[in-house]
Structures are given as C-alpha cells and as structure tokens.
Amino acid sequence: MLKFIKHTMETIVGVEIFPIISFLIFFIFFVGLFVWVAKMQKSEIAEVAQLPLDDEGEENLIN
C-alpha cells in the first residue's frame, strides 16, 4: 500500500512543496498564537481564567 502511494506522489510535479507549505502554516500559526498570549495583560488572563467558573453565563443559557 505504501509503495502505491509513494509511486503516485512521486509522479506529481511539484509535490515536494506541499510539506514545506504545511510546516510553514503550522509554525506561523503557533508562533502567532504564542506572541498573542505573551502580549495579553494579566487582567485579561484573569478574566478568561474565571470564565469556566462564571455562573452568569449559565443563567442566560437556561432562560
């Protein structure tokens, strides 16, 4: 099965660029996410940390 897939992929022109593009998208996304979280202020982090414990949101869903 792997030989079939390998042979098929080798016949596609320019297929070697797809793993590079995939890696760059993955890397850029997580670096961007890290920068975004690193720049968050402590008050914003504390607010987001309390969201799972907040009962006001559940009351709005029930009504």
PDB file of N, CA and C in Angstrom:
ATOM      1  N   MET A   1       0.832  -1.192   0.000  1.00  0.00           N
ATOM      2  CA  MET A   1       0.000   0.000   0.000  1.00  0.00           C
ATOM      3  C   MET A   1       0.875   1.253   0.000  1.00  0.00           C
ATOM      4  N   LEU A   2       1.923   1.260   0.829  1.00  0.00           N
ATOM      5  CA  LEU A   2       2.787   2.431   0.900  1.00  0.00           C
ATOM      6  C   LEU A   2       3.531   2.649  -0.411  1.00  0.00           C
ATOM      7  N   LYS A   3       3.916   1.565  -1.086  1.00  0.00           N
ATOM      8  CA  LYS A   3       4.610   1.695  -2.365  1.00  0.00           C
ATOM      9  C   LYS A   3       3.690   2.338  -3.407  1.00  0.00           C
ATOM     10  N   PHE A   4       2.417   1.995  -3.360  1.00  0.00           N
ATOM     11  CA  PHE A   4       1.455   2.573  -4.297  1.00  0.00           C
ATOM     12  C   PHE A   4       1.336   4.075  -4.075  1.00  0.00           C
ATOM     13  N   ILE A   5       1.215   4.475  -2.828  1.00  0.00           N
ATOM     14  CA  ILE A   5       1.083   5.900  -2.511  1.00  0.00           C
ATOM     15  C   ILE A   5       2.374   6.635  -2.846  1.00  0.00           C
ATOM     16  N   LYS A   6       3.518   6.044  -2.507  1.00  0.00           N
ATOM     17  CA  LYS A   6       4.802   6.671  -2.778  1.00  0.00           C
ATOM     18  C   LYS A   6       5.002   6.869  -4.280  1.00  0.00           C
ATOM     19  N   HIS A   7       4.685   5.856  -5.056  1.00  0.00           N
ATOM     20  CA  HIS A   7       4.832   5.967  -6.513  1.00  0.00           C
ATOM     21  C   HIS A   7       3.907   7.051  -7.070  1.00  0.00           C
ATOM     22  N   THR A   8       2.690   7.102  -6.591  1.00  0.00           N
ATOM     23  CA  THR A   8       1.736   8.101  -7.065  1.00  0.00           C
ATOM     24  C   THR A   8       2.209   9.503  -6.713  1.00  0.00           C
ATOM     25  N   MET A   9       2.711   9.690  -5.504  1.00  0.00           N
ATOM     26  CA  MET A   9       3.173  11.008  -5.089  1.00  0.00           C
ATOM     27  C   MET A   9       4.416  11.438  -5.862  1.00  0.00           C
ATOM     28  N   GLU A  10       5.267  10.494  -6.222  1.00  0.00           N
ATOM     29  CA  GLU A  10       6.475  10.827  -6.979  1.00  0.00           C
ATOM     30  C   GLU A  10       6.158  11.265  -8.403  1.00  0.00           C
ATOM     31  N   THR A  11       5.028  10.870  -8.945  1.00  0.00           N
ATOM     32  CA  THR A  11       4.679  11.236 -10.314  1.00  0.00           C
ATOM     33  C   THR A  11       4.053  12.625 -10.404  1.00  0.00           C
ATOM     34  N   ILE A  12       3.674  13.216  -9.267  1.00  0.00           N
ATOM     35  CA  ILE A  12       3.070  14.550  -9.271  1.00  0.00           C
ATOM     36  C   ILE A  12       4.186  15.588  -9.337  1.00  0.00           C
ATOM     37  N   VAL A  13       4.085  16.492 -10.293  1.00  0.00           N
ATOM     38  CA  VAL A  13       5.099  17.529 -10.458  1.00  0.00           C
ATOM     39  C   VAL A  13       4.918  18.589  -9.368  1.00  0.00           C
ATOM     40  N   GLY A  14       5.993  18.928  -8.680  1.00  0.00           N
ATOM     41  CA  GLY A  14       5.957  19.979  -7.673  1.00  0.00           C
ATOM     42  C   GLY A  14       5.393  19.543  -6.339  1.00  0.00           C
ATOM     43  N   VAL A  15       5.287  18.256  -6.084  1.00  0.00           N
ATOM     44  CA  VAL A  15       4.670  17.783  -4.853  1.00  0.00           C
ATOM     45  C   VAL A  15       5.560  18.053  -3.630  1.00  0.00           C
ATOM     46  N   GLU A  16       6.847  18.276  -3.835  1.00  0.00           N
ATOM     47  CA  GLU A  16       7.748  18.480  -2.708  1.00  0.00           C
ATOM     48  C   GLU A  16       7.505  19.798  -1.981  1.00  0.00           C
ATOM     49  N   ILE A  17       6.752  20.709  -2.556  1.00  0.00           N
ATOM     50  CA  ILE A  17       6.483  21.999  -1.924  1.00  0.00           C
ATOM     51  C   ILE A  17       5.378  21.892  -0.867  1.00  0.00           C
ATOM     52  N   PHE A  18       4.497  20.911  -0.969  1.00  0.00           N
ATOM     53  CA  PHE A  18       3.371  20.805  -0.038  1.00  0.00           C
ATOM     54  C   PHE A  18       3.786  20.562   1.407  1.00  0.00           C
ATOM     55  N   PRO A  19       4.743  19.701   1.708  1.00  0.00           N
ATOM     56  CA  PRO A  19       5.157  19.562   3.110  1.00  0.00           C
ATOM     57  C   PRO A  19       5.787  20.839   3.656  1.00  0.00           C
ATOM     58  N   ILE A  20       6.487  21.577   2.815  1.00  0.00           N
ATOM     59  CA  ILE A  20       7.098  22.829   3.257  1.00  0.00           C
ATOM     60  C   ILE A  20       6.016  23.853   3.582  1.00  0.00           C
ATOM     61  N   ILE A  21       5.033  23.960   2.719  1.00  0.00           N
ATOM     62  CA  ILE A  21       3.927  24.904   2.955  1.00  0.00           C
ATOM     63  C   ILE A  21       3.163  24.521   4.215  1.00  0.00           C
ATOM     64  N   SER A  22       2.901  23.242   4.398  1.00  0.00           N
ATOM     65  CA  SER A  22       2.181  22.779   5.588  1.00  0.00           C
ATOM     66  C   SER A  22       2.955  23.112   6.855  1.00  0.00           C
ATOM     67  N   PHE A  23       4.260  22.881   6.838  1.00  0.00           N
ATOM     68  CA  PHE A  23       5.082  23.188   8.002  1.00  0.00           C
ATOM     69  C   PHE A  23       5.083  24.684   8.291  1.00  0.00           C
ATOM     70  N   LEU A  24       5.191  25.509   7.249  1.00  0.00           N
ATOM     71  CA  LEU A  24       5.194  26.959   7.461  1.00  0.00           C
ATOM     72  C   LEU A  24       3.879  27.451   8.036  1.00  0.00           C
ATOM     73  N   ILE A  25       2.761  26.943   7.549  1.00  0.00           N
ATOM     74  CA  ILE A  25       1.458  27.327   8.099  1.00  0.00           C
ATOM     75  C   ILE A  25       1.369  26.926   9.566  1.00  0.00           C
ATOM     76  N   PHE A  26       1.761  25.708   9.881  1.00  0.00           N
ATOM     77  CA  PHE A  26       1.750  25.214  11.254  1.00  0.00           C
ATOM     78  C   PHE A  26       2.639  26.075  12.144  1.00  0.00           C
ATOM     79  N   PHE A  27       3.859  26.350  11.714  1.00  0.00           N
ATOM     80  CA  PHE A  27       4.825  27.103  12.501  1.00  0.00           C
ATOM     81  C   PHE A  27       4.360  28.541  12.716  1.00  0.00           C
ATOM     82  N   ILE A  28       3.910  29.202  11.661  1.00  0.00           N
ATOM     83  CA  ILE A  28       3.457  30.596  11.760  1.00  0.00           C
ATOM     84  C   ILE A  28       2.243  30.709  12.671  1.00  0.00           C
ATOM     85  N   PHE A  29       1.319  29.761  12.587  1.00  0.00           N
ATOM     86  CA  PHE A  29       0.134  29.800  13.440  1.00  0.00           C
ATOM     87  C   PHE A  29       0.516  29.729  14.914  1.00  0.00           C
ATOM     88  N   PHE A  30       1.375  28.776  15.281  1.00  0.00           N
ATOM     89  CA  PHE A  30       1.708  28.620  16.679  1.00  0.00           C
ATOM     90  C   PHE A  30       2.636  29.709  17.202  1.00  0.00           C
ATOM     91  N   VAL A  31       3.498  30.251  16.372  1.00  0.00           N
ATOM     92  CA  VAL A  31       4.308  31.402  16.791  1.00  0.00           C
ATOM     93  C   VAL A  31       3.396  32.607  17.004  1.00  0.00           C
ATOM     94  N   GLY A  32       2.449  32.823  16.103  1.00  0.00           N
ATOM     95  CA  GLY A  32       1.486  33.908  16.268  1.00  0.00           C
ATOM     96  C   GLY A  32       0.647  33.741  17.518  1.00  0.00           C
ATOM     97  N   LEU A  33       0.223  32.532  17.784  1.00  0.00           N
ATOM     98  CA  LEU A  33      -0.555  32.260  18.993  1.00  0.00           C
ATOM     99  C   LEU A  33       0.271  32.525  20.245  1.00  0.00           C
ATOM    100  N   PHE A  34       1.535  32.112  20.238  1.00  0.00           N
ATOM    101  CA  PHE A  34       2.417  32.363  21.370  1.00  0.00           C
ATOM    102  C   PHE A  34       2.613  33.865  21.603  1.00  0.00           C
ATOM    103  N   VAL A  35       2.824  34.628  20.538  1.00  0.00           N
ATOM    104  CA  VAL A  35       3.006  36.077  20.658  1.00  0.00           C
ATOM    105  C   VAL A  35       1.744  36.722  21.202  1.00  0.00           C
ATOM    106  N   TRP A  36       0.590  36.288  20.712  1.00  0.00           N
ATOM    107  CA  TRP A  36      -0.685  36.851  21.174  1.00  0.00           C
ATOM    108  C   TRP A  36      -0.881  36.599  22.664  1.00  0.00           C
ATOM    109  N   VAL A  37      -0.607  35.393  23.117  1.00  0.00           N
ATOM    110  CA  VAL A  37      -0.773  35.059  24.532  1.00  0.00           C
ATOM    111  C   VAL A  37       0.274  35.783  25.371  1.00  0.00           C
ATOM    112  N   ALA A  38       1.487  35.917  24.872  1.00  0.00           N
ATOM    113  CA  ALA A  38       2.542  36.597  25.624  1.00  0.00           C
ATOM    114  C   ALA A  38       2.238  38.081  25.814  1.00  0.00           C
ATOM    115  N   LYS A  39       1.514  38.684  24.876  1.00  0.00           N
ATOM    116  CA  LYS A  39       1.194  40.109  24.962  1.00  0.00           C
ATOM    117  C   LYS A  39      -0.083  40.395  25.760  1.00  0.00           C
ATOM    118  N   MET A  40      -0.821  39.357  26.145  1.00  0.00           N
ATOM    119  CA  MET A  40      -2.043  39.569  26.904  1.00  0.00           C
ATOM    120  C   MET A  40      -1.718  40.174  28.268  1.00  0.00           C
ATOM    121  N   GLN A  41      -2.581  41.055  28.715  1.00  0.00           N
ATOM    122  CA  GLN A  41      -2.384  41.659  30.027  1.00  0.00           C
ATOM    123  C   GLN A  41      -2.906  40.716  31.100  1.00  0.00           C
ATOM    124  N   LYS A  42      -2.366  40.858  32.298  1.00  0.00           N
ATOM    125  CA  LYS A  42      -2.727  39.956  33.391  1.00  0.00           C
ATOM    126  C   LYS A  42      -4.210  40.058  33.735  1.00  0.00           C
ATOM    127  N   SER A  43      -4.804  41.231  33.626  1.00  0.00           N
ATOM    128  CA  SER A  43      -6.223  41.383  33.920  1.00  0.00           C
ATOM    129  C   SER A  43      -7.075  40.602  32.914  1.00  0.00           C
ATOM    130  N   GLU A  44      -6.665  40.618  31.665  1.00  0.00           N
ATOM    131  CA  GLU A  44      -7.389  39.872  30.630  1.00  0.00           C
ATOM    132  C   GLU A  44      -7.248  38.365  30.849  1.00  0.00           C
ATOM    133  N   ILE A  45      -6.069  37.918  31.253  1.00  0.00           N
ATOM    134  CA  ILE A  45      -5.849  36.498  31.545  1.00  0.00           C
ATOM    135  C   ILE A  45      -6.697  36.061  32.726  1.00  0.00           C
ATOM    136  N   ALA A  46      -6.768  36.898  33.759  1.00  0.00           N
ATOM    137  CA  ALA A  46      -7.576  36.569  34.935  1.00  0.00           C
ATOM    138  C   ALA A  46      -9.056  36.482  34.570  1.00  0.00           C
ATOM    139  N   GLU A  47      -9.508  37.373  33.692  1.00  0.00           N
ATOM    140  CA  GLU A  47     -10.913  37.349  33.265  1.00  0.00           C
ATOM    141  C   GLU A  47     -11.232  36.069  32.493  1.00  0.00           C
ATOM    142  N   VAL A  48     -10.359  35.687  31.607  1.00  0.00           N
ATOM    143  CA  VAL A  48     -10.562  34.473  30.816  1.00  0.00           C
ATOM    144  C   VAL A  48     -10.470  33.235  31.702  1.00  0.00           C
ATOM    145  N   ALA A  49      -9.608  33.275  32.714  1.00  0.00           N
ATOM    146  CA  ALA A  49      -9.451  32.143  33.618  1.00  0.00           C
ATOM    147  C   ALA A  49     -10.707  31.915  34.453  1.00  0.00           C
ATOM    148  N   GLN A  50     -11.479  32.953  34.696  1.00  0.00           N
ATOM    149  CA  GLN A  50     -12.682  32.829  35.504  1.00  0.00           C
ATOM    150  C   GLN A  50     -13.914  32.420  34.700  1.00  0.00           C
ATOM    151  N   LEU A  51     -13.816  32.387  33.397  1.00  0.00           N
ATOM    152  CA  LEU A  51     -14.972  32.053  32.562  1.00  0.00           C
ATOM    153  C   LEU A  51     -15.591  30.689  32.883  1.00  0.00           C
ATOM    154  N   PRO A  52     -14.817  29.626  33.090  1.00  0.00           N
ATOM    155  CA  PRO A  52     -15.453  28.336  33.396  1.00  0.00           C
ATOM    156  C   PRO A  52     -16.182  28.330  34.738  1.00  0.00           C
ATOM    157  N   LEU A  53     -15.818  29.236  35.623  1.00  0.00           N
ATOM    158  CA  LEU A  53     -16.425  29.274  36.952  1.00  0.00           C
ATOM    159  C   LEU A  53     -17.562  30.275  37.037  1.00  0.00           C
ATOM    160  N   ASP A  54     -17.804  31.028  35.990  1.00  0.00           N
ATOM    161  CA  ASP A  54     -18.805  32.085  35.973  1.00  0.00           C
ATOM    162  C   ASP A  54     -20.201  31.483  35.840  1.00  0.00           C
ATOM    163  N   ASP A  55     -21.083  31.779  36.799  1.00  0.00           N
ATOM    164  CA  ASP A  55     -22.445  31.254  36.783  1.00  0.00           C
ATOM    165  C   ASP A  55     -23.403  32.142  35.993  1.00  0.00           C
ATOM    166  N   GLU A  56     -23.040  33.379  35.718  1.00  0.00           N
ATOM    167  CA  GLU A  56     -23.936  34.286  34.997  1.00  0.00           C
ATOM    168  C   GLU A  56     -24.198  33.814  33.576  1.00  0.00           C
ATOM    169  N   GLY A  57     -23.203  33.240  32.933  1.00  0.00           N
ATOM    170  CA  GLY A  57     -23.374  32.747  31.567  1.00  0.00           C
ATOM    171  C   GLY A  57     -24.342  31.576  31.508  1.00  0.00           C
ATOM    172  N   GLU A  58     -24.344  30.717  32.533  1.00  0.00           N
ATOM    173  CA  GLU A  58     -25.255  29.583  32.557  1.00  0.00           C
ATOM    174  C   GLU A  58     -26.692  30.008  32.744  1.00  0.00           C
ATOM    175  N   GLU A  59     -26.925  31.063  33.525  1.00  0.00           N
ATOM    176  CA  GLU A  59     -28.290  31.558  33.725  1.00  0.00           C
ATOM    177  C   GLU A  59     -28.861  32.093  32.413  1.00  0.00           C
ATOM    178  N   ASN A  60     -28.035  32.724  31.603  1.00  0.00           N
ATOM    179  CA  ASN A  60     -28.505  33.246  30.324  1.00  0.00           C
ATOM    180  C   ASN A  60     -28.857  32.095  29.370  1.00  0.00           C
ATOM    181  N   LEU A  61     -28.158  30.989  29.447  1.00  0.00           N
ATOM    182  CA  LEU A  61     -28.456  29.859  28.576  1.00  0.00           C
ATOM    183  C   LEU A  61     -29.746  29.164  28.967  1.00  0.00           C
ATOM    184  N   ILE A  62     -30.061  29.140  30.252  1.00  0.00           N
ATOM    185  CA  ILE A  62     -31.263  28.468  30.739  1.00  0.00           C
ATOM    186  C   ILE A  62     -32.515  29.262  30.360  1.00  0.00           C
ATOM    187  N   ASN A  63     -32.441  30.573  30.471  1.00  0.00           N
ATOM    188  CA  ASN A  63     -33.612  31.427  30.209  1.00  0.00           C
ATOM    189  C   ASN A  63     -33.856  31.588  28.779  1.00  0.00           C
TER     190      ASN A  63
END
